Amino acid sequence: MPPDEISYSQLDITERFDDHLHLKPEEWILTVPLNKSVPNGKGLPPVDASADDVYKAAVTLSQFRESISIPNDGVYCPVCHIANTQLAKLRTPCPKCGRPLLKFGWD
């Protein structure tokens, strides 16, 4: 399936699939915006979108992810591009920008 036909449930990914397996609960990892590699992906904001537009799109996708139970999900900030393994931090302030953290999938 072409990447621009896939529906996404978050705006960022990590560089490797198992990155979360080596993180301690207090550690954060850098994430990579999906729209950099899939500029026309369904649900992804344009590469030049403002931080507010990026966050707004991410909130919608996070609400979808939050509606289903996905083992091992964590949290992320789609503006600061960081993620953490602790789902208990969901909706708490991002340590960098203060926006509420959103649900993040590692797989």
N, C-alpha and C. Protein backbone atom coordinates (compact mmCIF):
# COMPACT_ATOMS: atom_id res chain seq x y z
N MET A 1 0.84 -1.18 0.00
CA MET A 1 0.00 0.00 0.00
C MET A 1 0.89 1.24 0.00
N PRO A 2 0.61 2.20 -0.87
CA PRO A 2 1.41 3.43 -0.90
C PRO A 2 1.29 4.21 0.42
N PRO A 3 2.38 4.80 0.92
CA PRO A 3 2.37 5.52 2.20
C PRO A 3 1.32 6.62 2.28
N ASP A 4 0.99 7.26 1.15
CA ASP A 4 0.02 8.36 1.21
C ASP A 4 -1.43 7.85 1.30
N GLU A 5 -1.63 6.53 1.25
CA GLU A 5 -2.96 5.97 1.40
C GLU A 5 -3.19 5.37 2.79
N ILE A 6 -2.16 5.35 3.62
CA ILE A 6 -2.27 4.83 4.98
C ILE A 6 -2.88 5.90 5.87
N SER A 7 -3.79 5.51 6.75
CA SER A 7 -4.33 6.42 7.76
C SER A 7 -3.46 6.29 9.00
N TYR A 8 -3.02 7.41 9.53
CA TYR A 8 -2.12 7.42 10.68
C TYR A 8 -2.87 7.71 11.97
N SER A 9 -2.33 7.22 13.09
CA SER A 9 -2.95 7.47 14.38
C SER A 9 -2.06 8.32 15.28
N GLN A 10 -0.98 8.83 14.74
CA GLN A 10 -0.11 9.76 15.44
C GLN A 10 0.74 10.47 14.40
N LEU A 11 1.39 11.56 14.81
CA LEU A 11 2.14 12.35 13.85
C LEU A 11 3.63 12.05 13.81
N ASP A 12 4.14 11.40 14.84
CA ASP A 12 5.57 11.13 14.93
C ASP A 12 5.83 9.64 15.08
N ILE A 13 7.09 9.26 14.83
CA ILE A 13 7.57 7.91 15.07
C ILE A 13 8.97 8.01 15.67
N THR A 14 9.49 6.89 16.14
CA THR A 14 10.89 6.86 16.55
C THR A 14 11.70 6.23 15.41
N GLU A 15 12.99 6.32 15.51
CA GLU A 15 13.84 5.82 14.42
C GLU A 15 13.82 4.30 14.31
N ARG A 16 13.66 3.60 15.45
CA ARG A 16 13.64 2.13 15.45
C ARG A 16 12.41 1.63 16.19
N PHE A 17 11.92 0.45 15.82
CA PHE A 17 10.72 -0.09 16.43
C PHE A 17 10.88 -0.42 17.91
N ASP A 18 12.03 -0.84 18.35
CA ASP A 18 12.20 -1.26 19.74
C ASP A 18 12.82 -0.19 20.64
N ASP A 19 12.81 1.05 20.22
CA ASP A 19 13.43 2.11 21.02
C ASP A 19 12.90 2.18 22.45
N HIS A 20 11.63 1.94 22.64
CA HIS A 20 11.02 2.06 23.96
C HIS A 20 11.48 0.97 24.94
N LEU A 21 11.98 -0.14 24.44
CA LEU A 21 12.38 -1.25 25.30
C LEU A 21 13.61 -0.93 26.14
N HIS A 22 14.34 0.09 25.76
CA HIS A 22 15.58 0.42 26.45
C HIS A 22 15.47 1.71 27.27
N LEU A 23 14.26 2.28 27.35
CA LEU A 23 14.09 3.54 28.07
C LEU A 23 13.67 3.30 29.52
N LYS A 24 14.23 4.10 30.41
CA LYS A 24 13.78 4.11 31.80
C LYS A 24 12.55 5.01 31.87
N PRO A 25 11.70 4.83 32.89
CA PRO A 25 10.45 5.61 32.97
C PRO A 25 10.63 7.13 32.89
N GLU A 26 11.74 7.63 33.38
CA GLU A 26 11.95 9.08 33.37
C GLU A 26 12.63 9.58 32.09
N GLU A 27 13.02 8.68 31.21
CA GLU A 27 13.73 9.07 30.00
C GLU A 27 12.79 9.45 28.86
N TRP A 28 13.25 10.39 28.06
CA TRP A 28 12.54 10.84 26.87
C TRP A 28 13.39 10.52 25.65
N ILE A 29 12.75 10.26 24.53
CA ILE A 29 13.46 9.96 23.29
C ILE A 29 12.97 10.92 22.21
N LEU A 30 13.85 11.29 21.31
CA LEU A 30 13.46 12.15 20.20
C LEU A 30 12.60 11.37 19.21
N THR A 31 11.61 12.04 18.66
CA THR A 31 10.75 11.44 17.64
C THR A 31 10.95 12.19 16.32
N VAL A 32 10.45 11.58 15.26
CA VAL A 32 10.59 12.15 13.93
C VAL A 32 9.20 12.37 13.34
N PRO A 33 8.91 13.58 12.84
CA PRO A 33 7.60 13.83 12.24
C PRO A 33 7.38 12.97 10.99
N LEU A 34 6.26 12.28 10.94
CA LEU A 34 5.93 11.45 9.78
C LEU A 34 5.78 12.25 8.50
N ASN A 35 5.29 13.49 8.62
CA ASN A 35 5.04 14.28 7.41
C ASN A 35 6.32 14.66 6.68
N LYS A 36 7.46 14.47 7.30
CA LYS A 36 8.74 14.73 6.61
C LYS A 36 9.02 13.64 5.58
N SER A 37 8.60 12.39 5.89
CA SER A 37 8.84 11.30 4.95
C SER A 37 7.60 10.93 4.14
N VAL A 38 6.42 11.32 4.64
CA VAL A 38 5.15 11.05 3.94
C VAL A 38 4.37 12.37 3.89
N PRO A 39 4.79 13.33 3.06
CA PRO A 39 4.20 14.66 3.08
C PRO A 39 2.70 14.72 2.77
N ASN A 40 2.15 13.71 2.11
CA ASN A 40 0.73 13.72 1.77
C ASN A 40 -0.05 12.63 2.49
N GLY A 41 0.46 12.18 3.64
CA GLY A 41 -0.20 11.11 4.38
C GLY A 41 -1.55 11.54 4.92
N LYS A 42 -2.51 10.63 4.93
CA LYS A 42 -3.86 10.93 5.43
C LYS A 42 -3.80 11.33 6.90
N GLY A 43 -4.35 12.50 7.22
CA GLY A 43 -4.39 12.98 8.59
C GLY A 43 -3.14 13.71 9.04
N LEU A 44 -2.11 13.72 8.22
CA LEU A 44 -0.88 14.41 8.59
C LEU A 44 -0.94 15.86 8.13
N PRO A 45 -0.49 16.78 8.98
CA PRO A 45 -0.48 18.19 8.57
C PRO A 45 0.62 18.44 7.55
N PRO A 46 0.50 19.53 6.80
CA PRO A 46 1.57 19.89 5.86
C PRO A 46 2.89 20.10 6.61
N VAL A 47 4.00 19.90 5.94
CA VAL A 47 5.32 20.05 6.54
C VAL A 47 5.50 21.46 7.12
N ASP A 48 4.92 22.45 6.48
CA ASP A 48 5.09 23.84 6.93
C ASP A 48 3.97 24.31 7.87
N ALA A 49 3.20 23.39 8.44
CA ALA A 49 2.11 23.75 9.34
C ALA A 49 2.66 24.41 10.60
N SER A 50 1.86 25.30 11.17
CA SER A 50 2.26 25.96 12.41
C SER A 50 2.22 24.96 13.56
N ALA A 51 2.89 25.29 14.66
CA ALA A 51 2.88 24.42 15.84
C ALA A 51 1.46 24.18 16.32
N ASP A 52 0.62 25.22 16.29
CA ASP A 52 -0.77 25.07 16.74
C ASP A 52 -1.55 24.13 15.82
N ASP A 53 -1.32 24.20 14.51
CA ASP A 53 -2.01 23.31 13.58
C ASP A 53 -1.53 21.87 13.74
N VAL A 54 -0.24 21.69 13.96
CA VAL A 54 0.31 20.36 14.20
C VAL A 54 -0.33 19.76 15.45
N TYR A 55 -0.36 20.55 16.50
CA TYR A 55 -0.91 20.04 17.76
C TYR A 55 -2.39 19.71 17.62
N LYS A 56 -3.13 20.56 16.93
CA LYS A 56 -4.56 20.32 16.73
C LYS A 56 -4.79 19.00 15.99
N ALA A 57 -4.02 18.74 14.95
CA ALA A 57 -4.14 17.48 14.21
C ALA A 57 -3.78 16.30 15.11
N ALA A 58 -2.76 16.47 15.92
CA ALA A 58 -2.32 15.39 16.82
C ALA A 58 -3.36 15.07 17.89
N VAL A 59 -4.05 16.08 18.37
CA VAL A 59 -5.10 15.86 19.37
C VAL A 59 -6.19 14.96 18.80
N THR A 60 -6.60 15.22 17.58
CA THR A 60 -7.63 14.40 16.94
C THR A 60 -7.17 12.96 16.82
N LEU A 61 -5.94 12.75 16.39
CA LEU A 61 -5.42 11.39 16.26
C LEU A 61 -5.26 10.72 17.61
N SER A 62 -4.83 11.47 18.61
CA SER A 62 -4.67 10.91 19.95
C SER A 62 -6.02 10.48 20.52
N GLN A 63 -7.06 11.25 20.27
CA GLN A 63 -8.39 10.88 20.77
C GLN A 63 -8.81 9.53 20.18
N PHE A 64 -8.49 9.30 18.92
CA PHE A 64 -8.77 8.00 18.31
C PHE A 64 -7.97 6.91 19.02
N ARG A 65 -6.66 7.11 19.20
CA ARG A 65 -5.83 6.12 19.89
C ARG A 65 -6.32 5.87 21.30
N GLU A 66 -6.77 6.91 21.98
CA GLU A 66 -7.25 6.79 23.35
C GLU A 66 -8.54 5.98 23.44
N SER A 67 -9.27 5.89 22.35
CA SER A 67 -10.55 5.17 22.37
C SER A 67 -10.37 3.65 22.31
N ILE A 68 -9.16 3.20 22.06
CA ILE A 68 -8.89 1.77 22.03
C ILE A 68 -7.71 1.45 22.95
N SER A 69 -7.75 0.27 23.53
CA SER A 69 -6.67 -0.15 24.42
C SER A 69 -5.55 -0.75 23.58
N ILE A 70 -4.39 -0.12 23.64
CA ILE A 70 -3.22 -0.60 22.90
C ILE A 70 -2.10 -0.82 23.91
N PRO A 71 -1.74 -2.07 24.14
CA PRO A 71 -0.67 -2.36 25.11
C PRO A 71 0.62 -1.61 24.76
N ASN A 72 1.28 -1.15 25.78
CA ASN A 72 2.60 -0.52 25.65
C ASN A 72 2.60 0.87 25.05
N ASP A 73 1.45 1.50 24.85
CA ASP A 73 1.46 2.88 24.37
C ASP A 73 2.09 3.78 25.42
N GLY A 74 2.65 4.88 24.96
CA GLY A 74 3.24 5.88 25.83
C GLY A 74 2.65 7.23 25.49
N VAL A 75 3.44 8.28 25.65
CA VAL A 75 2.99 9.64 25.38
C VAL A 75 4.04 10.36 24.55
N TYR A 76 3.60 11.44 23.89
CA TYR A 76 4.54 12.25 23.13
C TYR A 76 4.03 13.67 22.99
N CYS A 77 4.94 14.53 22.57
CA CYS A 77 4.58 15.89 22.19
C CYS A 77 4.92 16.03 20.70
N PRO A 78 3.90 16.24 19.86
CA PRO A 78 4.13 16.35 18.42
C PRO A 78 4.77 17.67 18.00
N VAL A 79 4.87 18.60 18.93
CA VAL A 79 5.49 19.89 18.64
C VAL A 79 6.98 19.86 19.00
N CYS A 80 7.30 19.29 20.16
CA CYS A 80 8.69 19.21 20.62
C CYS A 80 9.39 17.95 20.12
N HIS A 81 8.61 16.99 19.61
CA HIS A 81 9.13 15.75 19.05
C HIS A 81 9.92 14.94 20.07
N ILE A 82 9.23 14.65 21.18
CA ILE A 82 9.78 13.79 22.23
C ILE A 82 8.71 12.81 22.66
N ALA A 83 9.14 11.62 23.14
CA ALA A 83 8.20 10.61 23.61
C ALA A 83 8.74 9.96 24.89
N ASN A 84 7.80 9.38 25.65
CA ASN A 84 8.10 8.73 26.91
C ASN A 84 7.22 7.48 27.01
N THR A 85 7.68 6.48 27.70
CA THR A 85 6.96 5.21 27.79
C THR A 85 5.79 5.22 28.78
N GLN A 86 5.68 6.23 29.60
CA GLN A 86 4.72 6.22 30.70
C GLN A 86 3.36 6.81 30.32
N LEU A 87 2.40 5.93 30.03
CA LEU A 87 1.06 6.36 29.64
C LEU A 87 0.38 7.17 30.75
N ALA A 88 0.82 6.99 31.99
CA ALA A 88 0.25 7.76 33.11
C ALA A 88 0.49 9.26 32.93
N LYS A 89 1.42 9.64 32.07
CA LYS A 89 1.69 11.06 31.81
C LYS A 89 0.73 11.66 30.78
N LEU A 90 -0.19 10.85 30.25
CA LEU A 90 -1.14 11.34 29.25
C LEU A 90 -1.86 12.58 29.77
N ARG A 91 -1.89 13.60 28.94
CA ARG A 91 -2.54 14.89 29.22
C ARG A 91 -1.83 15.73 30.28
N THR A 92 -0.66 15.28 30.76
CA THR A 92 0.14 16.13 31.65
C THR A 92 0.98 17.06 30.77
N PRO A 93 1.50 18.15 31.32
CA PRO A 93 2.25 19.10 30.50
C PRO A 93 3.55 18.53 29.92
N CYS A 94 3.80 18.84 28.66
CA CYS A 94 5.07 18.51 28.04
C CYS A 94 6.17 19.21 28.82
N PRO A 95 7.28 18.52 29.11
CA PRO A 95 8.35 19.16 29.87
C PRO A 95 9.04 20.30 29.12
N LYS A 96 8.83 20.40 27.82
CA LYS A 96 9.47 21.47 27.05
C LYS A 96 8.53 22.65 26.77
N CYS A 97 7.31 22.36 26.28
CA CYS A 97 6.42 23.46 25.84
C CYS A 97 5.17 23.63 26.71
N GLY A 98 4.87 22.65 27.55
CA GLY A 98 3.72 22.76 28.44
C GLY A 98 2.40 22.29 27.84
N ARG A 99 2.36 21.96 26.55
CA ARG A 99 1.12 21.44 25.97
C ARG A 99 0.83 20.06 26.57
N PRO A 100 -0.44 19.68 26.70
CA PRO A 100 -0.75 18.34 27.21
C PRO A 100 -0.17 17.24 26.32
N LEU A 101 0.46 16.26 26.94
CA LEU A 101 1.03 15.14 26.20
C LEU A 101 -0.08 14.27 25.62
N LEU A 102 0.20 13.66 24.48
CA LEU A 102 -0.79 12.86 23.75
C LEU A 102 -0.33 11.41 23.69
N LYS A 103 -1.27 10.54 23.33
CA LYS A 103 -0.97 9.09 23.30
C LYS A 103 -0.08 8.76 22.11
N PHE A 104 0.90 7.89 22.36
CA PHE A 104 1.92 7.55 21.38
C PHE A 104 2.12 6.05 21.30
N GLY A 105 2.13 5.51 20.11
CA GLY A 105 2.36 4.09 19.90
C GLY A 105 3.77 3.82 19.44
N TRP A 106 4.37 2.79 19.98
CA TRP A 106 5.74 2.44 19.64
C TRP A 106 5.85 1.48 18.48
N ASP A 107 4.75 0.80 18.14
CA ASP A 107 4.78 -0.20 17.07
C ASP A 107 4.17 0.33 15.80
